[in-house]
Protein backbone atom coordinates (compact mmCIF):
# COMPACT_ATOMS: atom_id res chain seq x y z
CA MET A 1 -33.22 -39.17 -59.21
CA ALA A 2 -31.26 -36.37 -60.72
CA GLY A 3 -31.99 -34.20 -57.67
CA LEU A 4 -30.67 -36.92 -55.36
CA LEU A 5 -27.43 -37.28 -57.42
CA LYS A 6 -27.03 -33.51 -57.30
CA ARG A 7 -27.32 -33.43 -53.48
CA ILE A 8 -24.84 -36.28 -53.22
CA ARG A 9 -22.42 -34.44 -55.50
CA TRP A 10 -22.67 -31.22 -53.34
CA GLY A 11 -22.29 -33.21 -50.21
CA ARG A 12 -19.10 -34.66 -51.49
CA VAL A 13 -17.81 -31.20 -52.47
CA LEU A 14 -18.68 -29.85 -49.06
CA ALA A 15 -16.94 -32.87 -47.38
CA VAL A 16 -13.85 -32.22 -49.46
CA LEU A 17 -13.80 -28.59 -48.44
CA VAL A 18 -15.02 -28.70 -44.87
CA LEU A 19 -13.43 -31.91 -43.54
CA PRO A 20 -9.80 -30.74 -44.06
CA CYS A 21 -10.63 -27.38 -42.44
CA LEU A 22 -12.24 -29.11 -39.49
CA LEU A 23 -9.29 -31.56 -39.11
CA GLY A 24 -6.85 -28.60 -39.36
CA ALA A 25 -8.72 -26.66 -36.67
CA LEU A 26 -8.72 -29.66 -34.43
CA ALA A 27 -4.99 -30.12 -35.03
CA LEU A 28 -4.25 -26.50 -34.25
CA ALA A 29 -6.40 -26.58 -31.13
CA GLY A 30 -4.82 -29.81 -30.00
CA ARG A 31 -1.34 -28.40 -30.50
CA ALA A 32 -2.22 -25.25 -28.52
CA ALA A 33 -3.66 -27.31 -25.72
CA TRP A 34 -0.49 -29.46 -25.62
CA ARG A 35 1.77 -26.31 -25.51
CA SER A 36 -0.47 -24.75 -22.85
CA GLU A 37 -0.32 -27.86 -20.71
CA GLN A 38 3.45 -27.54 -20.53
CA TYR A 39 3.03 -24.45 -18.44
CA PHE A 40 1.78 -26.65 -15.55
CA HIS A 41 4.85 -28.94 -15.63
CA TYR A 42 8.10 -27.50 -14.25
CA PRO A 43 10.85 -28.48 -11.79
CA LYS A 44 10.35 -27.75 -8.11
CA PRO A 45 13.85 -27.20 -6.59
CA ALA A 46 14.25 -26.90 -2.92
CA ALA A 47 15.21 -23.44 -1.67
CA VAL A 48 18.67 -22.92 -0.15
CA LEU A 49 18.96 -20.14 2.40
CA PRO A 50 21.64 -17.65 1.22
CA GLU A 51 24.46 -16.91 3.61
CA ASP A 52 23.49 -13.26 3.82
CA PHE A 53 20.06 -14.18 5.14
CA GLY A 54 21.35 -15.53 8.46
CA SER A 55 18.64 -13.58 10.36
CA ALA A 56 15.86 -15.38 8.45
CA ARG A 57 13.84 -18.19 10.06
CA GLU A 58 12.02 -21.07 8.42
CA VAL A 59 8.23 -20.67 8.57
CA THR A 60 5.30 -22.96 7.59
CA LEU A 61 2.00 -21.39 6.62
CA ARG A 62 -1.36 -23.11 6.22
CA THR A 63 -4.02 -21.72 3.77
CA ASP A 64 -7.79 -21.81 4.35
CA ASP A 65 -8.02 -24.77 2.00
CA GLY A 66 -5.39 -26.76 3.94
CA VAL A 67 -2.29 -26.32 1.78
CA GLU A 68 1.00 -26.01 3.55
CA LEU A 69 3.36 -23.33 2.36
CA ARG A 70 7.03 -23.11 3.23
CA GLY A 71 9.01 -19.84 3.44
CA TRP A 72 11.55 -17.60 5.18
CA TYR A 73 10.81 -14.64 7.37
CA VAL A 74 13.34 -11.85 8.10
CA PRO A 75 12.29 -9.80 11.13
CA SER A 76 11.55 -6.19 10.77
CA ARG A 77 13.78 -3.43 12.16
CA ASN A 78 11.38 -0.52 11.40
CA LYS A 79 8.06 -1.99 12.36
CA ALA A 80 7.00 -2.43 8.68
CA ALA A 81 7.11 -5.54 6.47
CA TRP A 82 6.52 -6.87 2.98
CA VAL A 83 5.06 -10.13 1.62
CA LEU A 84 6.70 -11.33 -1.62
CA ALA A 85 4.95 -13.64 -4.06
CA HIS A 86 6.96 -15.10 -6.96
CA GLY A 87 5.93 -16.10 -10.54
CA LEU A 88 5.04 -19.29 -12.34
CA SER A 89 7.69 -22.13 -12.17
CA GLN A 90 9.75 -20.15 -9.66
CA THR A 91 10.44 -20.34 -5.95
CA ARG A 92 11.00 -17.96 -3.14
CA MET A 93 14.66 -17.84 -4.31
CA ASP A 94 13.55 -15.75 -7.31
CA SER A 95 12.30 -13.05 -4.91
CA LEU A 96 15.69 -12.55 -3.33
CA PRO A 97 16.68 -9.49 -5.34
CA GLU A 98 13.57 -7.59 -4.00
CA ALA A 99 14.01 -9.12 -0.59
CA ARG A 100 17.55 -7.89 -0.21
CA VAL A 101 16.56 -4.29 -1.10
CA LEU A 102 13.73 -4.26 1.42
CA ARG A 103 15.67 -6.04 4.08
CA ASP A 104 18.59 -3.65 3.84
CA ALA A 105 16.13 -0.79 4.31
CA GLY A 106 14.99 -2.33 7.64
CA TYR A 107 11.76 -3.99 6.43
CA GLY A 108 10.62 -7.36 7.56
CA VAL A 109 10.30 -9.68 4.62
CA LEU A 110 8.32 -12.94 4.06
CA LEU A 111 9.45 -14.94 1.04
CA PHE A 112 7.44 -18.06 0.49
CA ASP A 113 6.82 -20.80 -2.13
CA LEU A 114 3.38 -20.55 -3.74
CA ARG A 115 1.30 -23.72 -3.84
CA ALA A 116 2.64 -26.40 -6.17
CA HIS A 117 6.07 -24.67 -6.21
CA GLY A 118 9.34 -25.33 -4.44
CA GLN A 119 8.77 -27.00 -1.08
CA SER A 120 5.15 -26.00 -0.67
CA GLY A 121 2.23 -28.45 -0.94
CA GLY A 122 -0.58 -28.31 -3.54
CA GLU A 123 -1.16 -30.30 -6.65
CA THR A 124 -1.17 -27.59 -9.33
CA SER A 125 -0.60 -23.92 -10.00
CA THR A 126 -3.74 -21.98 -10.72
CA TRP A 127 -2.09 -18.83 -12.06
CA GLY A 128 -3.29 -16.45 -9.29
CA ASP A 129 -6.69 -18.03 -8.75
CA LYS A 130 -6.22 -20.18 -5.62
CA GLU A 131 -2.95 -18.39 -4.91
CA ARG A 132 -5.14 -15.69 -3.41
CA GLN A 133 -5.44 -17.88 -0.41
CA ASP A 134 -1.62 -18.24 -0.30
CA VAL A 135 -1.18 -14.41 -0.18
CA ARG A 136 -3.87 -14.10 2.56
CA ALA A 137 -2.06 -16.65 4.71
CA ALA A 138 1.19 -14.89 4.22
CA LEU A 139 -0.28 -11.54 5.19
CA ALA A 140 -1.93 -12.97 8.25
CA TYR A 141 1.48 -14.46 9.43
CA VAL A 142 3.31 -11.16 9.04
CA ARG A 143 0.66 -9.04 10.75
CA ALA A 144 0.87 -11.38 13.75
CA GLN A 145 4.57 -10.80 14.29
CA PRO A 146 5.51 -8.81 17.39
CA ASP A 147 8.14 -6.74 15.31
CA VAL A 148 5.50 -5.56 12.91
CA ASP A 149 2.84 -2.88 12.98
CA PRO A 150 -0.14 -4.57 11.19
CA ALA A 151 -1.04 -1.22 9.56
CA ARG A 152 2.35 -1.06 7.84
CA VAL A 153 2.36 -4.25 5.80
CA GLY A 154 2.70 -4.14 1.95
CA ALA A 155 2.58 -6.88 -0.69
CA LEU A 156 4.69 -7.40 -3.79
CA GLY A 157 4.03 -9.92 -6.53
CA PHE A 158 5.55 -11.01 -9.82
CA SER A 159 3.49 -12.32 -12.74
CA ILE A 160 1.04 -14.82 -11.36
CA GLY A 161 2.08 -13.61 -7.90
CA SER A 162 1.08 -10.09 -8.92
CA ALA A 163 -2.35 -11.38 -9.97
CA ALA A 164 -2.95 -12.90 -6.56
CA VAL A 165 -1.58 -9.87 -4.70
CA ALA A 166 -3.73 -7.44 -6.70
CA GLU A 167 -6.93 -9.47 -6.07
CA VAL A 168 -6.27 -9.78 -2.32
CA ALA A 169 -5.29 -6.16 -1.91
CA ALA A 170 -8.48 -5.12 -3.76
CA LYS A 171 -10.55 -6.71 -1.04
CA ASP A 172 -8.29 -6.18 1.96
CA PRO A 173 -7.90 -2.50 2.83
CA GLN A 174 -5.32 -3.39 5.44
CA VAL A 175 -2.83 -4.01 2.65
CA ALA A 176 -1.01 -0.68 3.00
CA ALA A 177 0.93 -0.65 -0.26
CA VAL A 178 1.18 -2.82 -3.44
CA VAL A 179 3.96 -3.53 -6.00
CA LEU A 180 3.06 -5.40 -9.10
CA LEU A 181 5.89 -6.74 -11.31
CA SER A 182 5.09 -7.91 -14.88
CA PRO A 183 1.31 -8.05 -14.24
CA PHE A 184 -1.27 -9.33 -16.68
CA ASN A 185 -4.57 -7.55 -17.28
CA THR A 186 -6.71 -10.63 -16.93
CA LEU A 187 -6.10 -14.31 -16.34
CA TRP A 188 -8.00 -15.16 -19.51
CA LEU A 189 -5.65 -12.94 -21.57
CA ALA A 190 -2.61 -14.28 -19.78
CA ALA A 191 -3.62 -17.81 -20.76
CA ALA A 192 -4.62 -17.11 -24.34
CA TYR A 193 -2.63 -14.08 -25.57
CA ASP A 194 0.35 -16.00 -26.97
CA PHE A 195 -2.02 -18.28 -28.88
CA ARG A 196 -3.85 -15.58 -30.73
CA ARG A 197 -2.36 -16.35 -34.21
CA PHE A 198 -5.28 -18.49 -35.27
CA GLY A 199 -7.91 -16.71 -33.24
CA VAL A 200 -10.54 -18.58 -31.36
CA VAL A 201 -9.31 -21.99 -32.55
CA THR A 202 -5.95 -21.86 -30.86
CA GLN A 203 -7.03 -19.70 -28.01
CA THR A 204 -9.77 -22.14 -27.12
CA GLY A 205 -7.25 -24.98 -27.22
CA ALA A 206 -4.98 -23.02 -24.91
CA LEU A 207 -7.63 -22.69 -22.31
CA VAL A 208 -8.45 -26.37 -22.14
CA PRO A 209 -5.80 -27.17 -19.39
CA PHE A 210 -7.12 -24.26 -17.33
CA TRP A 211 -10.75 -25.46 -17.62
CA ARG A 212 -9.67 -29.06 -16.80
CA ARG A 213 -8.16 -27.81 -13.52
CA GLY A 214 -11.18 -25.76 -12.61
CA ILE A 215 -9.30 -22.51 -12.67
CA ALA A 216 -11.58 -19.45 -12.28
CA LEU A 217 -10.36 -17.57 -15.43
CA GLU A 218 -12.98 -14.76 -15.07
CA GLU A 219 -12.32 -14.07 -11.38
CA VAL A 220 -8.65 -12.94 -11.72
CA ARG A 221 -8.76 -9.51 -13.32
CA THR A 222 -5.86 -7.26 -12.34
CA ILE A 223 -7.09 -4.36 -14.49
CA ASP A 224 -10.26 -4.28 -12.34
CA ALA A 225 -8.55 -5.03 -9.01
CA VAL A 226 -6.30 -1.93 -9.27
CA GLU A 227 -9.29 0.38 -9.22
CA ARG A 228 -10.16 -0.93 -5.75
CA ILE A 229 -6.57 -0.56 -4.49
CA LYS A 230 -6.57 3.26 -4.89
CA PRO A 231 -5.95 5.54 -3.20
CA ARG A 232 -3.33 3.30 -1.45
CA PRO A 233 0.17 3.46 -2.95
CA LEU A 234 0.56 1.29 -6.02
CA PHE A 235 3.71 0.80 -8.11
CA ILE A 236 3.65 -1.20 -11.36
CA VAL A 237 6.83 -2.25 -13.12
CA ALA A 238 7.23 -4.15 -16.49
CA GLY A 239 9.85 -4.61 -19.20
CA THR A 240 9.83 -3.16 -22.75
CA GLU A 241 10.58 -6.63 -24.19
CA GLU A 242 7.72 -8.55 -22.53
CA SER A 243 5.06 -10.27 -24.50
CA GLY A 244 1.73 -8.34 -24.70
CA GLN A 245 3.00 -4.75 -24.85
CA PRO A 246 -0.47 -3.56 -26.12
CA LEU A 247 -1.97 -5.01 -22.90
CA LEU A 248 0.66 -3.26 -20.82
CA ASP A 249 -0.19 -0.02 -22.68
CA GLU A 250 -3.81 -0.39 -21.63
CA LEU A 251 -2.97 -1.19 -18.02
CA PHE A 252 -0.53 1.63 -17.66
CA ALA A 253 -2.87 4.12 -19.19
CA HIS A 254 -5.69 2.86 -16.86
CA VAL A 255 -3.75 3.46 -13.65
CA ALA A 256 -1.82 6.60 -14.81
CA PRO A 257 -4.00 8.98 -12.71
CA TYR A 258 -3.27 7.33 -9.38
CA ALA A 259 -0.28 4.90 -9.59
CA GLN A 260 3.40 4.97 -10.19
CA THR A 261 4.47 3.07 -13.31
CA TRP A 262 7.86 2.25 -14.90
CA ARG A 263 8.64 0.30 -18.02
CA ILE A 264 12.30 -0.81 -17.87
CA ALA A 265 14.08 -0.48 -21.25
CA GLY A 266 15.45 -3.78 -22.51
CA ALA A 267 13.88 -5.86 -19.71
CA SER A 268 11.90 -8.93 -20.54
CA HIS A 269 9.55 -10.84 -18.16
CA GLY A 270 11.20 -10.21 -14.80
CA ASN A 271 14.88 -10.10 -13.81
CA PHE A 272 14.68 -6.36 -13.40
CA ALA A 273 17.60 -6.14 -11.03
CA ALA A 274 19.84 -7.31 -13.84
CA ALA A 275 18.31 -4.97 -16.45
CA ALA A 276 18.51 -1.93 -14.14
CA PRO A 277 21.01 -2.82 -11.38
CA THR A 278 21.13 0.68 -9.86
CA GLU A 279 17.82 2.29 -10.80
CA TYR A 280 15.58 -0.65 -9.87
CA PRO A 281 16.72 -1.06 -6.22
CA ARG A 282 16.64 2.74 -5.77
CA ARG A 283 13.12 3.10 -7.02
CA LEU A 284 11.84 0.15 -5.18
CA ARG A 285 13.23 1.39 -1.87
CA GLU A 286 12.03 4.92 -2.45
CA PHE A 287 8.50 3.62 -3.12
CA ALA A 288 8.59 1.41 -0.01
CA ASP A 289 9.84 4.20 2.25
CA SER A 290 7.17 6.61 0.96
CA ALA A 291 4.38 4.11 1.09
CA LEU A 292 5.07 2.50 4.49
CA LYS A 293 6.50 5.44 6.38
CA PRO A 294 5.19 5.57 10.01
CA VAL A 295 2.26 7.78 10.64
CA ALA A 296 3.35 10.64 12.86
CA PRO A 297 1.22 10.80 16.06
CA SER A 298 -0.92 13.89 16.31
CA VAL A 299 0.51 16.31 18.77
CA GLU A 300 -2.00 18.29 20.68
CA THR A 301 -1.13 21.85 21.51
CA PRO A 302 -1.25 22.16 25.36
CA VAL A 303 -3.91 24.56 26.54
CA ALA A 304 -2.90 26.90 29.31
CA PRO A 305 -5.16 26.68 32.39
CA ALA A 306 -7.72 29.41 32.58
CA VAL A 307 -6.87 32.21 34.98
CA GLU A 308 -9.70 33.91 36.74
CA GLU A 309 -9.27 37.64 36.32
CA LYS A 310 -10.04 39.75 39.36
CA ALA A 311 -11.69 43.12 38.99
CA PRO A 312 -9.22 45.86 39.94
CA ALA A 313 -9.86 47.22 43.49
CA LYS A 314 -11.79 50.49 43.49
CA LYS A 315 -10.14 53.58 45.15
CA PRO A 316 -12.08 54.68 48.20
CA SER A 317 -14.05 57.84 47.69
CA ARG A 318 -13.42 60.95 49.71
CA ARG A 319 -16.61 60.37 51.69
CA THR A 320 -15.40 56.89 52.59
CA LYS A 321 -12.04 58.25 53.73
CA LYS A 322 -13.73 60.83 56.00
CA ALA A 323 -15.97 58.21 57.57
CA ALA A 324 -12.96 55.99 58.16
CA ALA A 325 -11.18 58.89 59.93
CA ARG A 326 -14.06 59.43 62.31
């Protein structure tokens, strides 16, 4: 009887200690899940064509899984072009600073709304997972344009757009050059990093909205994709005030031997044209011009036709001369 009472007493003690901890963990995980869920809910404004984009035309793309994407295409004047992919909760309008730089340099530019953004179809963003299909559809459209050399098409992405661009470029060697703005190392880290305060409890909670939507967290890994992009030109840009600076340190060190990198002082997540209004457009254009310059045709040195050399005529001998005189 005494042993039973002792076990009951210890059970009560454990309940008093463990139950509050368990409830606290559930509360923290639930709050993290709620906060993470908010990332999937954002306004979807319609894009308005700026007056200085009069040469652009409306385009509609269709992905392999049947999603319709809306965008603008500015024809190329130099036979090269760029595909631009925006970030989470943005639209093609947010890619206008980069589009202006590239358009003014003569490049064709395709700006489009990713799935579940702006005027495009799709039920939910997948943070770079299914957006890979969006980028592939955009590249296929640009390569088919008569004003573009398919071998001179690059891709630029910001945030989740950079994740999709990196993954597609890693598997498609025809992507001639890549620009990644504010990239994240892996999708798992992008989803969980800001919830690391209480470790696995809050990070697990933060991932629930991603799991619920069937997002392939382990398939989107920019830090691995960049390895398969080299030796093609790669330019990575981020701000010094972005969240996850240790992760950027790791990525920048990883690509240092083969990529151009730039961390803009004072810049946060994006809006680099405002943080560096002169330097950013200059560097972006210099990279584009260097990466997509036309390949000079090989010039064959003309070979002179062979001339048959005739042996010099022999002088007639004295004996021959006498015979001829007779």
